[in-house]
Amino acid sequence: FAAIRPDDWDLPLFLHVLGAMLLVGGLLTGGVALAIARGQVRLLRLGYFSLLALALPGWIIMRAGAEWIYDKEGFSGDDDPAWLGIGYVVSEAGGLLLLIGLILGGFGVRRVRRGGGSGLLTATAVLALVALAAYVVAVWAMGAKPD
């Protein structure tokens, strides 16, 4: 299938996949670091800043690439394949979870300096891992293309 795709689709598809890889990697790194930190400030900060520096830009790049390739492929919203619907729902819901997690985690990181904030960062870890699970479903949908 890739051999018959027009060359002008390569860059938007590459950006979409690159962003998705950064997003999933950032969510995995951040979620796991926050989940296993057990109060260790270094791991708490590593987890939060992985979400902030990898997952958030990855989400933005993934969404920009998705919209660009959606336009290139000529979809109109009428009779779009099921995998596109799955991708849109998961990307928007996952982006919301990521944003809420980053806000909670930002307050948590500020409180870590004073010996608190681990509860907020635990909530951030849970949100990141839930979003990660949803994105695994989206990766499956993009690859398997169920209809």
C-alpha atoms as a PDB file:
ATOM      1  CA  PHE A   1       0.000   0.000   0.000  1.00  0.00           C
ATOM      2  CA  ALA A   2       2.821   2.423   0.835  1.00  0.00           C
ATOM      3  CA  ALA A   3       4.321   1.946  -2.616  1.00  0.00           C
ATOM      4  CA  ILE A   4       1.225   3.423  -4.257  1.00  0.00           C
ATOM      5  CA  ARG A   5       0.938   6.402  -1.916  1.00  0.00           C
ATOM      6  CA  PRO A   6       1.778   9.719  -3.635  1.00  0.00           C
ATOM      7  CA  ASP A   7       5.132  11.249  -2.670  1.00  0.00           C
ATOM      8  CA  ASP A   8       3.575  14.490  -1.432  1.00  0.00           C
ATOM      9  CA  TRP A   9       1.925  12.512   1.414  1.00  0.00           C
ATOM     10  CA  ASP A  10       5.286  11.425   2.845  1.00  0.00           C
ATOM     11  CA  LEU A  11       6.046  14.468   5.016  1.00  0.00           C
ATOM     12  CA  PRO A  12       2.626  14.773   6.721  1.00  0.00           C
ATOM     13  CA  LEU A  13       2.511  11.032   7.369  1.00  0.00           C
ATOM     14  CA  PHE A  14       6.077  11.095   8.696  1.00  0.00           C
ATOM     15  CA  LEU A  15       5.225  13.970  11.052  1.00  0.00           C
ATOM     16  CA  HIS A  16       2.102  12.170  12.258  1.00  0.00           C
ATOM     17  CA  VAL A  17       4.018   8.975  13.011  1.00  0.00           C
ATOM     18  CA  LEU A  18       6.977  10.852  14.536  1.00  0.00           C
ATOM     19  CA  GLY A  19       4.654  12.803  16.811  1.00  0.00           C
ATOM     20  CA  ALA A  20       2.838   9.626  17.824  1.00  0.00           C
ATOM     21  CA  MET A  21       6.144   7.955  18.670  1.00  0.00           C
ATOM     22  CA  LEU A  22       7.264  10.931  20.766  1.00  0.00           C
ATOM     23  CA  LEU A  23       3.878  11.015  22.486  1.00  0.00           C
ATOM     24  CA  VAL A  24       3.849   7.315  23.357  1.00  0.00           C
ATOM     25  CA  GLY A  25       7.500   7.385  24.455  1.00  0.00           C
ATOM     26  CA  GLY A  26       6.936  10.458  26.613  1.00  0.00           C
ATOM     27  CA  LEU A  27       3.819   8.959  28.201  1.00  0.00           C
ATOM     28  CA  LEU A  28       5.590   5.673  28.886  1.00  0.00           C
ATOM     29  CA  THR A  29       8.685   7.324  30.351  1.00  0.00           C
ATOM     30  CA  GLY A  30       6.757   9.886  32.357  1.00  0.00           C
ATOM     31  CA  GLY A  31       4.068   7.523  33.600  1.00  0.00           C
ATOM     32  CA  VAL A  32       6.488   4.807  34.680  1.00  0.00           C
ATOM     33  CA  ALA A  33       8.924   7.250  36.314  1.00  0.00           C
ATOM     34  CA  LEU A  34       6.094   8.848  38.281  1.00  0.00           C
ATOM     35  CA  ALA A  35       4.605   5.473  39.197  1.00  0.00           C
ATOM     36  CA  ILE A  36       7.857   4.026  40.597  1.00  0.00           C
ATOM     37  CA  ALA A  37       9.238   7.226  42.159  1.00  0.00           C
ATOM     38  CA  ARG A  38       8.026   6.532  45.711  1.00  0.00           C
ATOM     39  CA  GLY A  39       8.878  10.059  46.753  1.00  0.00           C
ATOM     40  CA  GLN A  40      12.272  10.269  45.040  1.00  0.00           C
ATOM     41  CA  VAL A  41      12.462  13.841  43.821  1.00  0.00           C
ATOM     42  CA  ARG A  42      14.657  13.027  40.820  1.00  0.00           C
ATOM     43  CA  LEU A  43      12.231  10.447  39.455  1.00  0.00           C
ATOM     44  CA  LEU A  44       9.241  12.688  40.136  1.00  0.00           C
ATOM     45  CA  ARG A  45      10.845  15.502  38.178  1.00  0.00           C
ATOM     46  CA  LEU A  46      12.025  13.159  35.410  1.00  0.00           C
ATOM     47  CA  GLY A  47       8.498  11.825  35.035  1.00  0.00           C
ATOM     48  CA  TYR A  48       6.852  15.220  34.942  1.00  0.00           C
ATOM     49  CA  PHE A  49       9.371  16.811  32.594  1.00  0.00           C
ATOM     50  CA  SER A  50       9.196  13.770  30.280  1.00  0.00           C
ATOM     51  CA  LEU A  51       5.513  14.470  29.908  1.00  0.00           C
ATOM     52  CA  LEU A  52       6.123  18.177  29.433  1.00  0.00           C
ATOM     53  CA  ALA A  53       9.115  17.991  27.067  1.00  0.00           C
ATOM     54  CA  LEU A  54       8.259  14.835  25.074  1.00  0.00           C
ATOM     55  CA  ALA A  55       4.588  13.939  25.305  1.00  0.00           C
ATOM     56  CA  LEU A  56       3.112  17.419  24.864  1.00  0.00           C
ATOM     57  CA  PRO A  57       5.192  18.375  21.792  1.00  0.00           C
ATOM     58  CA  GLY A  58       4.615  14.852  20.463  1.00  0.00           C
ATOM     59  CA  TRP A  59       0.865  15.329  20.779  1.00  0.00           C
ATOM     60  CA  ILE A  60       1.035  18.663  18.942  1.00  0.00           C
ATOM     61  CA  ILE A  61       3.166  17.232  16.115  1.00  0.00           C
ATOM     62  CA  MET A  62       0.965  14.129  15.901  1.00  0.00           C
ATOM     63  CA  ARG A  63      -2.242  16.180  15.657  1.00  0.00           C
ATOM     64  CA  ALA A  64      -0.760  18.600  13.112  1.00  0.00           C
ATOM     65  CA  GLY A  65       0.459  15.703  10.977  1.00  0.00           C
ATOM     66  CA  ALA A  66      -2.896  13.944  11.338  1.00  0.00           C
ATOM     67  CA  GLU A  67      -4.844  16.952  10.110  1.00  0.00           C
ATOM     68  CA  TRP A  68      -2.408  17.493   7.260  1.00  0.00           C
ATOM     69  CA  ILE A  69      -2.542  13.891   6.035  1.00  0.00           C
ATOM     70  CA  TYR A  70      -6.333  13.848   6.522  1.00  0.00           C
ATOM     71  CA  ASP A  71      -6.558  16.792   4.146  1.00  0.00           C
ATOM     72  CA  LYS A  72      -4.085  15.256   1.669  1.00  0.00           C
ATOM     73  CA  GLU A  73      -6.024  11.991   1.533  1.00  0.00           C
ATOM     74  CA  GLY A  74      -9.205  13.861   0.685  1.00  0.00           C
ATOM     75  CA  PHE A  75     -11.399  12.742   3.571  1.00  0.00           C
ATOM     76  CA  SER A  76     -14.388  14.982   4.139  1.00  0.00           C
ATOM     77  CA  GLY A  77     -16.027  13.696   7.308  1.00  0.00           C
ATOM     78  CA  ASP A  78     -18.677  11.786   5.349  1.00  0.00           C
ATOM     79  CA  ASP A  79     -18.256   8.011   5.445  1.00  0.00           C
ATOM     80  CA  ASP A  80     -14.769   8.182   6.967  1.00  0.00           C
ATOM     81  CA  PRO A  81     -13.337   4.790   7.956  1.00  0.00           C
ATOM     82  CA  ALA A  82     -13.843   3.593  11.541  1.00  0.00           C
ATOM     83  CA  TRP A  83     -10.131   3.749  12.298  1.00  0.00           C
ATOM     84  CA  LEU A  84     -10.171   7.500  11.663  1.00  0.00           C
ATOM     85  CA  GLY A  85     -12.970   7.945  14.173  1.00  0.00           C
ATOM     86  CA  ILE A  86     -11.073   5.890  16.735  1.00  0.00           C
ATOM     87  CA  GLY A  87      -7.969   8.000  16.117  1.00  0.00           C
ATOM     88  CA  TYR A  88      -9.819  11.287  16.552  1.00  0.00           C
ATOM     89  CA  VAL A  89     -11.607  10.245  19.735  1.00  0.00           C
ATOM     90  CA  VAL A  90      -8.485   8.813  21.334  1.00  0.00           C
ATOM     91  CA  SER A  91      -6.251  11.728  20.334  1.00  0.00           C
ATOM     92  CA  GLU A  92      -8.629  14.351  21.691  1.00  0.00           C
ATOM     93  CA  ALA A  93      -9.466  12.473  24.907  1.00  0.00           C
ATOM     94  CA  GLY A  94      -5.809  11.568  25.433  1.00  0.00           C
ATOM     95  CA  GLY A  95      -4.764  15.165  24.838  1.00  0.00           C
ATOM     96  CA  LEU A  96      -7.243  16.294  27.482  1.00  0.00           C
ATOM     97  CA  LEU A  97      -5.928  13.706  29.955  1.00  0.00           C
ATOM     98  CA  LEU A  98      -2.375  14.831  29.216  1.00  0.00           C
ATOM     99  CA  LEU A  99      -3.269  18.482  29.744  1.00  0.00           C
ATOM    100  CA  ILE A 100      -5.041  17.783  33.044  1.00  0.00           C
ATOM    101  CA  GLY A 101      -2.106  15.630  34.141  1.00  0.00           C
ATOM    102  CA  LEU A 102       0.382  18.366  33.270  1.00  0.00           C
ATOM    103  CA  ILE A 103      -1.587  20.944  35.260  1.00  0.00           C
ATOM    104  CA  LEU A 104      -1.839  18.664  38.306  1.00  0.00           C
ATOM    105  CA  GLY A 105       1.773  17.629  37.937  1.00  0.00           C
ATOM    106  CA  GLY A 106       2.917  21.246  37.690  1.00  0.00           C
ATOM    107  CA  PHE A 107       1.373  21.962  41.066  1.00  0.00           C
ATOM    108  CA  GLY A 108       2.848  18.711  42.379  1.00  0.00           C
ATOM    109  CA  VAL A 109       6.376  19.533  41.225  1.00  0.00           C
ATOM    110  CA  ARG A 110       6.167  22.926  42.911  1.00  0.00           C
ATOM    111  CA  ARG A 111       5.041  21.279  46.149  1.00  0.00           C
ATOM    112  CA  VAL A 112       7.777  18.619  46.027  1.00  0.00           C
ATOM    113  CA  ARG A 113      10.289  21.280  47.072  1.00  0.00           C
ATOM    114  CA  ARG A 114       8.389  21.630  50.352  1.00  0.00           C
ATOM    115  CA  GLY A 115       8.009  17.894  50.897  1.00  0.00           C
ATOM    116  CA  GLY A 116       4.499  17.455  49.412  1.00  0.00           C
ATOM    117  CA  GLY A 117       2.883  17.051  46.038  1.00  0.00           C
ATOM    118  CA  SER A 118       3.353  13.310  45.639  1.00  0.00           C
ATOM    119  CA  GLY A 119      -0.425  12.773  45.509  1.00  0.00           C
ATOM    120  CA  LEU A 120      -0.785  15.175  42.611  1.00  0.00           C
ATOM    121  CA  LEU A 121       2.085  13.490  40.796  1.00  0.00           C
ATOM    122  CA  THR A 122       0.510  10.082  41.435  1.00  0.00           C
ATOM    123  CA  ALA A 123      -2.675  11.378  39.797  1.00  0.00           C
ATOM    124  CA  THR A 124      -0.527  12.592  36.898  1.00  0.00           C
ATOM    125  CA  ALA A 125       0.999   9.098  36.581  1.00  0.00           C
ATOM    126  CA  VAL A 126      -2.451   7.486  36.510  1.00  0.00           C
ATOM    127  CA  LEU A 127      -3.692   9.920  33.845  1.00  0.00           C
ATOM    128  CA  ALA A 128      -0.554   9.385  31.746  1.00  0.00           C
ATOM    129  CA  LEU A 129      -0.854   5.608  31.912  1.00  0.00           C
ATOM    130  CA  VAL A 130      -4.575   5.685  31.071  1.00  0.00           C
ATOM    131  CA  ALA A 131      -3.803   7.912  28.086  1.00  0.00           C
ATOM    132  CA  LEU A 132      -0.989   5.547  27.092  1.00  0.00           C
ATOM    133  CA  ALA A 133      -3.388   2.581  27.125  1.00  0.00           C
ATOM    134  CA  ALA A 134      -5.807   4.518  24.921  1.00  0.00           C
ATOM    135  CA  TYR A 135      -3.024   5.418  22.503  1.00  0.00           C
ATOM    136  CA  VAL A 136      -2.043   1.757  22.230  1.00  0.00           C
ATOM    137  CA  VAL A 137      -5.606   1.108  21.032  1.00  0.00           C
ATOM    138  CA  ALA A 138      -5.241   3.980  18.542  1.00  0.00           C
ATOM    139  CA  VAL A 139      -1.938   2.578  17.262  1.00  0.00           C
ATOM    140  CA  TRP A 140      -3.674  -0.753  16.727  1.00  0.00           C
ATOM    141  CA  ALA A 141      -6.535   0.981  14.892  1.00  0.00           C
ATOM    142  CA  MET A 142      -4.152   2.914  12.645  1.00  0.00           C
ATOM    143  CA  GLY A 143      -2.211  -0.263  11.836  1.00  0.00           C
ATOM    144  CA  ALA A 144      -5.031  -2.801  11.525  1.00  0.00           C
ATOM    145  CA  LYS A 145      -7.539  -0.359   9.970  1.00  0.00           C
ATOM    146  CA  PRO A 146     -10.744  -2.101  11.143  1.00  0.00           C
ATOM    147  CA  ASP A 147     -13.898  -1.062   9.385  1.00  0.00           C
END
